Amino acid sequence: MEKLYTKNAPDAIGPYSQAVKTAGFIFTSGQIAINPESGNVEATTIEAQTEQVCTNLKNVLEAAGSSLEKAVKTVCFLKNMDDFASFNEVYGKYFTGKPARSCVAVKQLPKDVLVEVEVIAEA
């Protein structure tokens, strides 16, 4: 198992890796809308936060030698299911291969963000 890291995505905010490569797959940790340059959540809308999350995931996967196009499964967490349509609009621009997906509403996310997404992709 190989632990993966890139400076082009936020540092882990706990005892975990940005991603792990094993058995021909990349498993990302959930990404939230932290801007890796500032280390802060700057976006305030679901659309802007989803853009940052997808960019972070793209950067983690590319650093691992993979890509969003190789995603086979995503798990999406929304603070408010009323944001589902707006989230989908942005998400669909990034995950054009339409991987399998779960999407659930949760009571709260780290740093009180609106969205978190994790990915399993082919290496």
PDB file of N, CA and C in Angstrom:
ATOM      1  N   MET A   1       0.855  -1.177   0.000  1.00  0.00           N
ATOM      2  CA  MET A   1       0.000   0.000   0.000  1.00  0.00           C
ATOM      3  C   MET A   1       0.899   1.237   0.000  1.00  0.00           C
ATOM      4  N   GLU A   2       0.579   2.173  -0.870  1.00  0.00           N
ATOM      5  CA  GLU A   2       1.364   3.404  -0.997  1.00  0.00           C
ATOM      6  C   GLU A   2       0.511   4.600  -0.582  1.00  0.00           C
ATOM      7  N   LYS A   3       1.009   5.375   0.352  1.00  0.00           N
ATOM      8  CA  LYS A   3       0.315   6.600   0.764  1.00  0.00           C
ATOM      9  C   LYS A   3       0.705   7.704  -0.209  1.00  0.00           C
ATOM     10  N   LEU A   4      -0.254   8.521  -0.607  1.00  0.00           N
ATOM     11  CA  LEU A   4      -0.026   9.537  -1.633  1.00  0.00           C
ATOM     12  C   LEU A   4      -0.201  10.933  -1.062  1.00  0.00           C
ATOM     13  N   TYR A   5       0.553  11.870  -1.636  1.00  0.00           N
ATOM     14  CA  TYR A   5       0.488  13.257  -1.185  1.00  0.00           C
ATOM     15  C   TYR A   5       0.795  14.187  -2.350  1.00  0.00           C
ATOM     16  N   THR A   6       0.089  15.309  -2.413  1.00  0.00           N
ATOM     17  CA  THR A   6       0.416  16.385  -3.333  1.00  0.00           C
ATOM     18  C   THR A   6       0.200  17.722  -2.628  1.00  0.00           C
ATOM     19  N   LYS A   7       1.057  18.669  -2.929  1.00  0.00           N
ATOM     20  CA  LYS A   7       0.887  20.016  -2.377  1.00  0.00           C
ATOM     21  C   LYS A   7      -0.239  20.765  -3.095  1.00  0.00           C
ATOM     22  N   ASN A   8      -0.761  20.196  -4.186  1.00  0.00           N
ATOM     23  CA  ASN A   8      -1.830  20.825  -4.963  1.00  0.00           C
ATOM     24  C   ASN A   8      -3.228  20.492  -4.449  1.00  0.00           C
ATOM     25  N   ALA A   9      -3.280  19.890  -3.273  1.00  0.00           N
ATOM     26  CA  ALA A   9      -4.547  19.630  -2.577  1.00  0.00           C
ATOM     27  C   ALA A   9      -4.296  19.920  -1.103  1.00  0.00           C
ATOM     28  N   PRO A  10      -5.341  20.149  -0.335  1.00  0.00           N
ATOM     29  CA  PRO A  10      -5.145  20.491   1.072  1.00  0.00           C
ATOM     30  C   PRO A  10      -4.462  19.372   1.853  1.00  0.00           C
ATOM     31  N   ASP A  11      -3.655  19.763   2.821  1.00  0.00           N
ATOM     32  CA  ASP A  11      -3.081  18.793   3.739  1.00  0.00           C
ATOM     33  C   ASP A  11      -4.207  18.145   4.533  1.00  0.00           C
ATOM     34  N   ALA A  12      -4.001  16.915   4.934  1.00  0.00           N
ATOM     35  CA  ALA A  12      -4.978  16.237   5.785  1.00  0.00           C
ATOM     36  C   ALA A  12      -5.125  17.025   7.084  1.00  0.00           C
ATOM     37  N   ILE A  13      -6.353  17.120   7.578  1.00  0.00           N
ATOM     38  CA  ILE A  13      -6.587  17.851   8.825  1.00  0.00           C
ATOM     39  C   ILE A  13      -6.735  16.881  10.000  1.00  0.00           C
ATOM     40  N   GLY A  14      -6.250  15.679   9.813  1.00  0.00           N
ATOM     41  CA  GLY A  14      -6.281  14.666  10.854  1.00  0.00           C
ATOM     42  C   GLY A  14      -5.273  13.577  10.530  1.00  0.00           C
ATOM     43  N   PRO A  15      -5.325  12.477  11.268  1.00  0.00           N
ATOM     44  CA  PRO A  15      -4.353  11.394  11.068  1.00  0.00           C
ATOM     45  C   PRO A  15      -4.745  10.464   9.913  1.00  0.00           C
ATOM     46  N   TYR A  16      -4.668  10.986   8.689  1.00  0.00           N
ATOM     47  CA  TYR A  16      -4.995  10.200   7.503  1.00  0.00           C
ATOM     48  C   TYR A  16      -4.217  10.736   6.311  1.00  0.00           C
ATOM     49  N   SER A  17      -4.229   9.999   5.215  1.00  0.00           N
ATOM     50  CA  SER A  17      -3.543  10.376   3.984  1.00  0.00           C
ATOM     51  C   SER A  17      -4.530  11.005   3.009  1.00  0.00           C
ATOM     52  N   GLN A  18      -4.013  11.817   2.085  1.00  0.00           N
ATOM     53  CA  GLN A  18      -4.871  12.370   1.035  1.00  0.00           C
ATOM     54  C   GLN A  18      -5.459  11.243   0.189  1.00  0.00           C
ATOM     55  N   ALA A  19      -4.646  10.210  -0.042  1.00  0.00           N
ATOM     56  CA  ALA A  19      -5.087   9.060  -0.828  1.00  0.00           C
ATOM     57  C   ALA A  19      -4.138   7.892  -0.573  1.00  0.00           C
ATOM     58  N   VAL A  20      -4.613   6.706  -0.943  1.00  0.00           N
ATOM     59  CA  VAL A  20      -3.822   5.489  -0.821  1.00  0.00           C
ATOM     60  C   VAL A  20      -3.973   4.712  -2.127  1.00  0.00           C
ATOM     61  N   LYS A  21      -2.857   4.166  -2.610  1.00  0.00           N
ATOM     62  CA  LYS A  21      -2.882   3.328  -3.810  1.00  0.00           C
ATOM     63  C   LYS A  21      -2.634   1.883  -3.381  1.00  0.00           C
ATOM     64  N   THR A  22      -3.522   0.990  -3.804  1.00  0.00           N
ATOM     65  CA  THR A  22      -3.356  -0.429  -3.510  1.00  0.00           C
ATOM     66  C   THR A  22      -4.173  -1.249  -4.504  1.00  0.00           C
ATOM     67  N   ALA A  23      -3.666  -2.407  -4.843  1.00  0.00           N
ATOM     68  CA  ALA A  23      -4.390  -3.366  -5.694  1.00  0.00           C
ATOM     69  C   ALA A  23      -4.935  -2.744  -6.977  1.00  0.00           C
ATOM     70  N   GLY A  24      -4.192  -1.796  -7.549  1.00  0.00           N
ATOM     71  CA  GLY A  24      -4.598  -1.197  -8.817  1.00  0.00           C
ATOM     72  C   GLY A  24      -5.641  -0.103  -8.712  1.00  0.00           C
ATOM     73  N   PHE A  25      -5.916   0.344  -7.488  1.00  0.00           N
ATOM     74  CA  PHE A  25      -6.905   1.405  -7.283  1.00  0.00           C
ATOM     75  C   PHE A  25      -6.349   2.519  -6.419  1.00  0.00           C
ATOM     76  N   ILE A  26      -6.910   3.707  -6.596  1.00  0.00           N
ATOM     77  CA  ILE A  26      -6.632   4.867  -5.749  1.00  0.00           C
ATOM     78  C   ILE A  26      -7.885   5.106  -4.911  1.00  0.00           C
ATOM     79  N   PHE A  27      -7.712   5.210  -3.615  1.00  0.00           N
ATOM     80  CA  PHE A  27      -8.793   5.539  -2.688  1.00  0.00           C
ATOM     81  C   PHE A  27      -8.477   6.901  -2.097  1.00  0.00           C
ATOM     82  N   THR A  28      -9.268   7.907  -2.440  1.00  0.00           N
ATOM     83  CA  THR A  28      -9.008   9.230  -1.875  1.00  0.00           C
ATOM     84  C   THR A  28      -9.743   9.374  -0.553  1.00  0.00           C
ATOM     85  N   SER A  29      -9.182  10.184   0.307  1.00  0.00           N
ATOM     86  CA  SER A  29      -9.923  10.625   1.478  1.00  0.00           C
ATOM     87  C   SER A  29     -10.940  11.647   1.000  1.00  0.00           C
ATOM     88  N   GLY A  30     -11.933  11.886   1.807  1.00  0.00           N
ATOM     89  CA  GLY A  30     -12.915  12.897   1.450  1.00  0.00           C
ATOM     90  C   GLY A  30     -12.244  14.253   1.321  1.00  0.00           C
ATOM     91  N   GLN A  31     -12.581  14.959   0.266  1.00  0.00           N
ATOM     92  CA  GLN A  31     -12.042  16.301   0.051  1.00  0.00           C
ATOM     93  C   GLN A  31     -13.137  17.321   0.328  1.00  0.00           C
ATOM     94  N   ILE A  32     -12.760  18.369   1.042  1.00  0.00           N
ATOM     95  CA  ILE A  32     -13.669  19.483   1.274  1.00  0.00           C
ATOM     96  C   ILE A  32     -13.104  20.701   0.564  1.00  0.00           C
ATOM     97  N   ALA A  33     -13.795  21.818   0.657  1.00  0.00           N
ATOM     98  CA  ALA A  33     -13.474  22.999  -0.150  1.00  0.00           C
ATOM     99  C   ALA A  33     -12.354  23.857   0.442  1.00  0.00           C
ATOM    100  N   ILE A  34     -11.297  23.229   0.878  1.00  0.00           N
ATOM    101  CA  ILE A  34     -10.130  23.981   1.353  1.00  0.00           C
ATOM    102  C   ILE A  34      -9.270  24.333   0.153  1.00  0.00           C
ATOM    103  N   ASN A  35      -8.916  25.597   0.030  1.00  0.00           N
ATOM    104  CA  ASN A  35      -7.985  26.042  -0.994  1.00  0.00           C
ATOM    105  C   ASN A  35      -6.584  25.650  -0.524  1.00  0.00           C
ATOM    106  N   PRO A  36      -5.860  24.812  -1.283  1.00  0.00           N
ATOM    107  CA  PRO A  36      -4.550  24.357  -0.816  1.00  0.00           C
ATOM    108  C   PRO A  36      -3.515  25.479  -0.686  1.00  0.00           C
ATOM    109  N   GLU A  37      -3.695  26.564  -1.419  1.00  0.00           N
ATOM    110  CA  GLU A  37      -2.742  27.675  -1.339  1.00  0.00           C
ATOM    111  C   GLU A  37      -2.875  28.439  -0.029  1.00  0.00           C
ATOM    112  N   SER A  38      -4.098  28.660   0.413  1.00  0.00           N
ATOM    113  CA  SER A  38      -4.312  29.430   1.639  1.00  0.00           C
ATOM    114  C   SER A  38      -4.527  28.541   2.864  1.00  0.00           C
ATOM    115  N   GLY A  39      -4.962  27.293   2.632  1.00  0.00           N
ATOM    116  CA  GLY A  39      -5.282  26.408   3.733  1.00  0.00           C
ATOM    117  C   GLY A  39      -6.626  26.715   4.373  1.00  0.00           C
ATOM    118  N   ASN A  40      -7.427  27.549   3.708  1.00  0.00           N
ATOM    119  CA  ASN A  40      -8.719  27.969   4.253  1.00  0.00           C
ATOM    120  C   ASN A  40      -9.866  27.615   3.315  1.00  0.00           C
ATOM    121  N   VAL A  41     -11.059  27.564   3.886  1.00  0.00           N
ATOM    122  CA  VAL A  41     -12.272  27.450   3.084  1.00  0.00           C
ATOM    123  C   VAL A  41     -12.642  28.872   2.691  1.00  0.00           C
ATOM    124  N   GLU A  42     -12.574  29.179   1.408  1.00  0.00           N
ATOM    125  CA  GLU A  42     -12.852  30.535   0.929  1.00  0.00           C
ATOM    126  C   GLU A  42     -14.209  30.629   0.245  1.00  0.00           C
ATOM    127  N   ALA A  43     -14.638  29.550  -0.404  1.00  0.00           N
ATOM    128  CA  ALA A  43     -15.897  29.546  -1.138  1.00  0.00           C
ATOM    129  C   ALA A  43     -17.069  29.437  -0.164  1.00  0.00           C
ATOM    130  N   THR A  44     -18.155  30.115  -0.491  1.00  0.00           N
ATOM    131  CA  THR A  44     -19.312  30.106   0.407  1.00  0.00           C
ATOM    132  C   THR A  44     -20.566  29.494  -0.211  1.00  0.00           C
ATOM    133  N   THR A  45     -20.601  29.322  -1.533  1.00  0.00           N
ATOM    134  CA  THR A  45     -21.782  28.737  -2.176  1.00  0.00           C
ATOM    135  C   THR A  45     -21.526  27.265  -2.472  1.00  0.00           C
ATOM    136  N   ILE A  46     -22.589  26.504  -2.646  1.00  0.00           N
ATOM    137  CA  ILE A  46     -22.444  25.085  -2.982  1.00  0.00           C
ATOM    138  C   ILE A  46     -21.712  24.913  -4.309  1.00  0.00           C
ATOM    139  N   GLU A  47     -21.991  25.786  -5.263  1.00  0.00           N
ATOM    140  CA  GLU A  47     -21.322  25.687  -6.568  1.00  0.00           C
ATOM    141  C   GLU A  47     -19.820  25.909  -6.431  1.00  0.00           C
ATOM    142  N   ALA A  48     -19.425  26.967  -5.754  1.00  0.00           N
ATOM    143  CA  ALA A  48     -17.996  27.282  -5.599  1.00  0.00           C
ATOM    144  C   ALA A  48     -17.289  26.232  -4.747  1.00  0.00           C
ATOM    145  N   GLN A  49     -17.955  25.743  -3.720  1.00  0.00           N
ATOM    146  CA  GLN A  49     -17.333  24.701  -2.898  1.00  0.00           C
ATOM    147  C   GLN A  49     -17.181  23.407  -3.686  1.00  0.00           C
ATOM    148  N   THR A  50     -18.171  23.061  -4.499  1.00  0.00           N
ATOM    149  CA  THR A  50     -18.073  21.851  -5.320  1.00  0.00           C
ATOM    150  C   THR A  50     -16.939  21.981  -6.326  1.00  0.00           C
ATOM    151  N   GLU A  51     -16.772  23.162  -6.928  1.00  0.00           N
ATOM    152  CA  GLU A  51     -15.641  23.402  -7.845  1.00  0.00           C
ATOM    153  C   GLU A  51     -14.316  23.141  -7.135  1.00  0.00           C
ATOM    154  N   GLN A  52     -14.153  23.671  -5.917  1.00  0.00           N
ATOM    155  CA  GLN A  52     -12.900  23.487  -5.178  1.00  0.00           C
ATOM    156  C   GLN A  52     -12.688  22.019  -4.809  1.00  0.00           C
ATOM    157  N   VAL A  53     -13.748  21.357  -4.376  1.00  0.00           N
ATOM    158  CA  VAL A  53     -13.652  19.938  -4.031  1.00  0.00           C
ATOM    159  C   VAL A  53     -13.222  19.126  -5.252  1.00  0.00           C
ATOM    160  N   CYS A  54     -13.855  19.345  -6.388  1.00  0.00           N
ATOM    161  CA  CYS A  54     -13.524  18.595  -7.604  1.00  0.00           C
ATOM    162  C   CYS A  54     -12.110  18.898  -8.077  1.00  0.00           C
ATOM    163  N   THR A  55     -11.677  20.138  -7.958  1.00  0.00           N
ATOM    164  CA  THR A  55     -10.299  20.493  -8.305  1.00  0.00           C
ATOM    165  C   THR A  55      -9.319  19.778  -7.386  1.00  0.00           C
ATOM    166  N   ASN A  56      -9.617  19.752  -6.092  1.00  0.00           N
ATOM    167  CA  ASN A  56      -8.746  19.046  -5.145  1.00  0.00           C
ATOM    168  C   ASN A  56      -8.663  17.562  -5.496  1.00  0.00           C
ATOM    169  N   LEU A  57      -9.799  16.941  -5.799  1.00  0.00           N
ATOM    170  CA  LEU A  57      -9.798  15.524  -6.163  1.00  0.00           C
ATOM    171  C   LEU A  57      -9.031  15.281  -7.454  1.00  0.00           C
ATOM    172  N   LYS A  58      -9.223  16.139  -8.430  1.00  0.00           N
ATOM    173  CA  LYS A  58      -8.485  16.040  -9.697  1.00  0.00           C
ATOM    174  C   LYS A  58      -6.987  16.074  -9.433  1.00  0.00           C
ATOM    175  N   ASN A  59      -6.549  16.989  -8.594  1.00  0.00           N
ATOM    176  CA  ASN A  59      -5.119  17.127  -8.295  1.00  0.00           C
ATOM    177  C   ASN A  59      -4.566  15.922  -7.542  1.00  0.00           C
ATOM    178  N   VAL A  60      -5.331  15.384  -6.596  1.00  0.00           N
ATOM    179  CA  VAL A  60      -4.888  14.187  -5.863  1.00  0.00           C
ATOM    180  C   VAL A  60      -4.763  13.005  -6.821  1.00  0.00           C
ATOM    181  N   LEU A  61      -5.772  12.797  -7.656  1.00  0.00           N
ATOM    182  CA  LEU A  61      -5.738  11.671  -8.587  1.00  0.00           C
ATOM    183  C   LEU A  61      -4.615  11.810  -9.600  1.00  0.00           C
ATOM    184  N   GLU A  62      -4.401  13.008 -10.124  1.00  0.00           N
ATOM    185  CA  GLU A  62      -3.321  13.207 -11.091  1.00  0.00           C
ATOM    186  C   GLU A  62      -1.958  12.971 -10.443  1.00  0.00           C
ATOM    187  N   ALA A  63      -1.780  13.388  -9.203  1.00  0.00           N
ATOM    188  CA  ALA A  63      -0.518  13.138  -8.495  1.00  0.00           C
ATOM    189  C   ALA A  63      -0.281  11.642  -8.296  1.00  0.00           C
ATOM    190  N   ALA A  64      -1.378  10.878  -8.255  1.00  0.00           N
ATOM    191  CA  ALA A  64      -1.290   9.430  -8.077  1.00  0.00           C
ATOM    192  C   ALA A  64      -1.149   8.698  -9.414  1.00  0.00           C
ATOM    193  N   GLY A  65      -1.128   9.447 -10.518  1.00  0.00           N
ATOM    194  CA  GLY A  65      -1.032   8.835 -11.835  1.00  0.00           C
ATOM    195  C   GLY A  65      -2.369   8.388 -12.392  1.00  0.00           C
ATOM    196  N   SER A  66      -3.447   8.923 -11.860  1.00  0.00           N
ATOM    197  CA  SER A  66      -4.786   8.573 -12.314  1.00  0.00           C
ATOM    198  C   SER A  66      -5.500   9.843 -12.771  1.00  0.00           C
ATOM    199  N   SER A  67      -6.822   9.796 -12.834  1.00  0.00           N
ATOM    200  CA  SER A  67      -7.575  10.968 -13.279  1.00  0.00           C
ATOM    201  C   SER A  67      -9.041  10.798 -12.890  1.00  0.00           C
ATOM    202  N   LEU A  68      -9.784  11.879 -13.013  1.00  0.00           N
ATOM    203  CA  LEU A  68     -11.223  11.814 -12.762  1.00  0.00           C
ATOM    204  C   LEU A  68     -11.911  10.873 -13.750  1.00  0.00           C
ATOM    205  N   GLU A  69     -11.364  10.756 -14.956  1.00  0.00           N
ATOM    206  CA  GLU A  69     -11.939   9.878 -15.969  1.00  0.00           C
ATOM    207  C   GLU A  69     -11.838   8.408 -15.564  1.00  0.00           C
ATOM    208  N   LYS A  70     -10.920   8.095 -14.663  1.00  0.00           N
ATOM    209  CA  LYS A  70     -10.745   6.712 -14.207  1.00  0.00           C
ATOM    210  C   LYS A  70     -11.517   6.428 -12.919  1.00  0.00           C
ATOM    211  N   ALA A  71     -12.327   7.381 -12.479  1.00  0.00           N
ATOM    212  CA  ALA A  71     -13.137   7.178 -11.274  1.00  0.00           C
ATOM    213  C   ALA A  71     -14.153   6.075 -11.518  1.00  0.00           C
ATOM    214  N   VAL A  72     -14.264   5.146 -10.568  1.00  0.00           N
ATOM    215  CA  VAL A  72     -15.249   4.081 -10.678  1.00  0.00           C
ATOM    216  C   VAL A  72     -16.372   4.248  -9.655  1.00  0.00           C
ATOM    217  N   LYS A  73     -16.115   5.001  -8.580  1.00  0.00           N
ATOM    218  CA  LYS A  73     -17.121   5.193  -7.531  1.00  0.00           C
ATOM    219  C   LYS A  73     -16.822   6.483  -6.788  1.00  0.00           C
ATOM    220  N   THR A  74     -17.855   7.237  -6.503  1.00  0.00           N
ATOM    221  CA  THR A  74     -17.723   8.405  -5.635  1.00  0.00           C
ATOM    222  C   THR A  74     -18.740   8.290  -4.505  1.00  0.00           C
ATOM    223  N   VAL A  75     -18.393   8.889  -3.393  1.00  0.00           N
ATOM    224  CA  VAL A  75     -19.315   9.018  -2.270  1.00  0.00           C
ATOM    225  C   VAL A  75     -19.383  10.507  -1.959  1.00  0.00           C
ATOM    226  N   CYS A  76     -20.580  11.051  -1.987  1.00  0.00           N
ATOM    227  CA  CYS A  76     -20.788  12.486  -1.845  1.00  0.00           C
ATOM    228  C   CYS A  76     -21.624  12.763  -0.601  1.00  0.00           C
ATOM    229  N   PHE A  77     -21.202  13.763   0.145  1.00  0.00           N
ATOM    230  CA  PHE A  77     -21.892  14.168   1.361  1.00  0.00           C
ATOM    231  C   PHE A  77     -22.311  15.620   1.212  1.00  0.00           C
ATOM    232  N   LEU A  78     -23.585  15.891   1.371  1.00  0.00           N
ATOM    233  CA  LEU A  78     -24.106  17.250   1.289  1.00  0.00           C
ATOM    234  C   LEU A  78     -24.667  17.654   2.642  1.00  0.00           C
ATOM    235  N   LYS A  79     -24.400  18.886   3.031  1.00  0.00           N
ATOM    236  CA  LYS A  79     -24.964  19.396   4.277  1.00  0.00           C
ATOM    237  C   LYS A  79     -26.475  19.575   4.140  1.00  0.00           C
ATOM    238  N   ASN A  80     -26.915  19.893   2.910  1.00  0.00           N
ATOM    239  CA  ASN A  80     -28.329  20.161   2.685  1.00  0.00           C
ATOM    240  C   ASN A  80     -28.739  19.553   1.340  1.00  0.00           C
ATOM    241  N   MET A  81     -29.668  18.609   1.373  1.00  0.00           N
ATOM    242  CA  MET A  81     -30.095  17.957   0.140  1.00  0.00           C
ATOM    243  C   MET A  81     -30.797  18.925  -0.810  1.00  0.00           C
ATOM    244  N   ASP A  82     -31.191  20.100  -0.334  1.00  0.00           N
ATOM    245  CA  ASP A  82     -31.739  21.121  -1.227  1.00  0.00           C
ATOM    246  C   ASP A  82     -30.684  21.616  -2.217  1.00  0.00           C
ATOM    247  N   ASP A  83     -29.406  21.357  -1.945  1.00  0.00           N
ATOM    248  CA  ASP A  83     -28.310  21.744  -2.834  1.00  0.00           C
ATOM    249  C   ASP A  83     -28.023  20.695  -3.902  1.00  0.00           C
ATOM    250  N   PHE A  84     -28.786  19.617  -3.924  1.00  0.00           N
ATOM    251  CA  PHE A  84     -28.503  18.483  -4.811  1.00  0.00           C
ATOM    252  C   PHE A  84     -28.387  18.886  -6.282  1.00  0.00           C
ATOM    253  N   ALA A  85     -29.339  19.643  -6.794  1.00  0.00           N
ATOM    254  CA  ALA A  85     -29.325  20.022  -8.214  1.00  0.00           C
ATOM    255  C   ALA A  85     -28.119  20.902  -8.540  1.00  0.00           C
ATOM    256  N   SER A  86     -27.831  21.867  -7.694  1.00  0.00           N
ATOM    257  CA  SER A  86     -26.678  22.750  -7.925  1.00  0.00           C
ATOM    258  C   SER A  86     -25.376  21.972  -7.834  1.00  0.00           C
ATOM    259  N   PHE A  87     -25.280  21.067  -6.865  1.00  0.00           N
ATOM    260  CA  PHE A  87     -24.100  20.206  -6.739  1.00  0.00           C
ATOM    261  C   PHE A  87     -23.935  19.364  -8.006  1.00  0.00           C
ATOM    262  N   ASN A  88     -25.013  18.729  -8.461  1.00  0.00           N
ATOM    263  CA  ASN A  88     -24.963  17.871  -9.644  1.00  0.00           C
ATOM    264  C   ASN A  88     -24.485  18.620 -10.878  1.00  0.00           C
ATOM    265  N   GLU A  89     -24.899  19.858 -11.022  1.00  0.00           N
ATOM    266  CA  GLU A  89     -24.513  20.643 -12.194  1.00  0.00           C
ATOM    267  C   GLU A  89     -22.997  20.789 -12.272  1.00  0.00           C
ATOM    268  N   VAL A  90     -22.371  21.104 -11.155  1.00  0.00           N
ATOM    269  CA  VAL A  90     -20.909  21.267 -11.135  1.00  0.00           C
ATOM    270  C   VAL A  90     -20.225  19.902 -11.197  1.00  0.00           C
ATOM    271  N   TYR A  91     -20.677  18.956 -10.398  1.00  0.00           N
ATOM    272  CA  TYR A  91     -20.111  17.607 -10.350  1.00  0.00           C
ATOM    273  C   TYR A  91     -20.062  16.998 -11.758  1.00  0.00           C
ATOM    274  N   GLY A  92     -21.143  17.164 -12.518  1.00  0.00           N
ATOM    275  CA  GLY A  92     -21.236  16.590 -13.854  1.00  0.00           C
ATOM    276  C   GLY A  92     -20.205  17.124 -14.836  1.00  0.00           C
ATOM    277  N   LYS A  93     -19.691  18.323 -14.601  1.00  0.00           N
ATOM    278  CA  LYS A  93     -18.648  18.892 -15.462  1.00  0.00           C
ATOM    279  C   LYS A  93     -17.311  18.183 -15.244  1.00  0.00           C
ATOM    280  N   TYR A  94     -17.119  17.644 -14.075  1.00  0.00           N
ATOM    281  CA  TYR A  94     -15.850  16.990 -13.723  1.00  0.00           C
ATOM    282  C   TYR A  94     -15.903  15.477 -13.913  1.00  0.00           C
ATOM    283  N   PHE A  95     -16.990  14.854 -13.530  1.00  0.00           N
ATOM    284  CA  PHE A  95     -17.111  13.394 -13.595  1.00  0.00           C
ATOM    285  C   PHE A  95     -17.924  13.005 -14.824  1.00  0.00           C
ATOM    286  N   THR A  96     -17.332  13.244 -15.993  1.00  0.00           N
ATOM    287  CA  THR A  96     -18.028  13.011 -17.256  1.00  0.00           C
ATOM    288  C   THR A  96     -18.194  11.527 -17.564  1.00  0.00           C
ATOM    289  N   GLY A  97     -17.385  10.672 -16.945  1.00  0.00           N
ATOM    290  CA  GLY A  97     -17.496   9.232 -17.164  1.00  0.00           C
ATOM    291  C   GLY A  97     -18.624   8.587 -16.380  1.00  0.00           C
ATOM    292  N   LYS A  98     -19.316   9.381 -15.571  1.00  0.00           N
ATOM    293  CA  LYS A  98     -20.463   8.930 -14.783  1.00  0.00           C
ATOM    294  C   LYS A  98     -20.148   7.679 -13.952  1.00  0.00           C
ATOM    295  N   PRO A  99     -19.221   7.793 -12.985  1.00  0.00           N
ATOM    296  CA  PRO A  99     -18.933   6.642 -12.121  1.00  0.00           C
ATOM    297  C   PRO A  99     -20.135   6.320 -11.240  1.00  0.00           C
ATOM    298  N   ALA A 100     -20.125   5.131 -10.653  1.00  0.00           N
ATOM    299  CA  ALA A 100     -21.145   4.796  -9.653  1.00  0.00           C
ATOM    300  C   ALA A 100     -21.040   5.830  -8.535  1.00  0.00           C
ATOM    301  N   ARG A 101     -22.160   6.093  -7.849  1.00  0.00           N
ATOM    302  CA  ARG A 101     -22.138   7.162  -6.850  1.00  0.00           C
ATOM    303  C   ARG A 101     -23.177   6.943  -5.773  1.00  0.00           C
ATOM    304  N   SER A 102     -22.810   7.344  -4.570  1.00  0.00           N
ATOM    305  CA  SER A 102     -23.757   7.496  -3.468  1.00  0.00           C
ATOM    306  C   SER A 102     -23.738   8.963  -3.103  1.00  0.00           C
ATOM    307  N   CYS A 103     -24.892   9.495  -2.712  1.00  0.00           N
ATOM    308  CA  CYS A 103     -24.965  10.893  -2.288  1.00  0.00           C
ATOM    309  C   CYS A 103     -25.953  10.969  -1.132  1.00  0.00           C
ATOM    310  N   VAL A 104     -25.455  11.426   0.001  1.00  0.00           N
ATOM    311  CA  VAL A 104     -26.299  11.489   1.195  1.00  0.00           C
ATOM    312  C   VAL A 104     -26.185  12.858   1.848  1.00  0.00           C
ATOM    313  N   ALA A 105     -27.227  13.213   2.585  1.00  0.00           N
ATOM    314  CA  ALA A 105     -27.191  14.434   3.393  1.00  0.00           C
ATOM    315  C   ALA A 105     -26.694  14.058   4.780  1.00  0.00           C
ATOM    316  N   VAL A 106     -25.879  14.931   5.345  1.00  0.00           N
ATOM    317  CA  VAL A 106     -25.330  14.714   6.680  1.00  0.00           C
ATOM    318  C   VAL A 106     -25.594  15.953   7.525  1.00  0.00           C
ATOM    319  N   LYS A 107     -25.559  15.772   8.819  1.00  0.00           N
ATOM    320  CA  LYS A 107     -25.856  16.881   9.716  1.00  0.00           C
ATOM    321  C   LYS A 107     -24.777  17.961   9.672  1.00  0.00           C
ATOM    322  N   GLN A 108     -23.507  17.541   9.645  1.00  0.00           N
ATOM    323  CA  GLN A 108     -22.415  18.515   9.663  1.00  0.00           C
ATOM    324  C   GLN A 108     -21.183  17.901   9.025  1.00  0.00           C
ATOM    325  N   LEU A 109     -20.357  18.751   8.408  1.00  0.00           N
ATOM    326  CA  LEU A 109     -19.106  18.335   7.793  1.00  0.00           C
ATOM    327  C   LEU A 109     -17.954  19.117   8.418  1.00  0.00           C
ATOM    328  N   PRO A 110     -16.720  18.615   8.277  1.00  0.00           N
ATOM    329  CA  PRO A 110     -15.575  19.344   8.837  1.00  0.00           C
ATOM    330  C   PRO A 110     -15.531  20.792   8.338  1.00  0.00           C
ATOM    331  N   LYS A 111     -15.131  21.681   9.221  1.00  0.00           N
ATOM    332  CA  LYS A 111     -15.013  23.111   8.921  1.00  0.00           C
ATOM    333  C   LYS A 111     -16.335  23.718   8.460  1.00  0.00           C
ATOM    334  N   ASP A 112     -17.424  23.042   8.764  1.00  0.00           N
ATOM    335  CA  ASP A 112     -18.780  23.487   8.443  1.00  0.00           C
ATOM    336  C   ASP A 112     -18.990  23.752   6.949  1.00  0.00           C
ATOM    337  N   VAL A 113     -18.314  22.963   6.095  1.00  0.00           N
ATOM    338  CA  VAL A 113     -18.482  23.105   4.648  1.00  0.00           C
ATOM    339  C   VAL A 113     -19.822  22.539   4.213  1.00  0.00           C
ATOM    340  N   LEU A 114     -20.161  22.769   2.968  1.00  0.00           N
ATOM    341  CA  LEU A 114     -21.440  22.338   2.410  1.00  0.00           C
ATOM    342  C   LEU A 114     -21.368  20.996   1.697  1.00  0.00           C
ATOM    343  N   VAL A 115     -20.145  20.555   1.327  1.00  0.00           N
ATOM    344  CA  VAL A 115     -19.995  19.342   0.518  1.00  0.00           C
ATOM    345  C   VAL A 115     -18.639  18.681   0.795  1.00  0.00           C
ATOM    346  N   GLU A 116     -18.640  17.361   0.725  1.00  0.00           N
ATOM    347  CA  GLU A 116     -17.410  16.562   0.786  1.00  0.00           C
ATOM    348  C   GLU A 116     -17.587  15.404  -0.194  1.00  0.00           C
ATOM    349  N   VAL A 117     -16.512  15.052  -0.904  1.00  0.00           N
ATOM    350  CA  VAL A 117     -16.567  13.953  -1.879  1.00  0.00           C
ATOM    351  C   VAL A 117     -15.303  13.117  -1.752  1.00  0.00           C
ATOM    352  N   GLU A 118     -15.479  11.807  -1.829  1.00  0.00           N
ATOM    353  CA  GLU A 118     -14.347  10.884  -1.888  1.00  0.00           C
ATOM    354  C   GLU A 118     -14.483  10.048  -3.163  1.00  0.00           C
ATOM    355  N   VAL A 119     -13.353   9.517  -3.652  1.00  0.00           N
ATOM    356  CA  VAL A 119     -13.325   8.824  -4.943  1.00  0.00           C
ATOM    357  C   VAL A 119     -12.537   7.534  -4.824  1.00  0.00           C
ATOM    358  N   ILE A 120     -12.992   6.525  -5.551  1.00  0.00           N
ATOM    359  CA  ILE A 120     -12.201   5.329  -5.830  1.00  0.00           C
ATOM    360  C   ILE A 120     -11.982   5.347  -7.338  1.00  0.00           C
ATOM    361  N   ALA A 121     -10.716   5.253  -7.742  1.00  0.00           N
ATOM    362  CA  ALA A 121     -10.385   5.328  -9.171  1.00  0.00           C
ATOM    363  C   ALA A 121      -9.380   4.230  -9.532  1.00  0.00           C
ATOM    364  N   GLU A 122      -9.362   3.856 -10.798  1.00  0.00           N
ATOM    365  CA  GLU A 122      -8.336   2.948 -11.292  1.00  0.00           C
ATOM    366  C   GLU A 122      -6.996   3.664 -11.261  1.00  0.00           C
ATOM    367  N   ALA A 123      -5.945   2.934 -10.895  1.00  0.00           N
ATOM    368  CA  ALA A 123      -4.605   3.526 -10.861  1.00  0.00           C
ATOM    369  C   ALA A 123      -4.067   3.691 -12.264  1.00  0.00           C
TER     370      ALA A 123
END
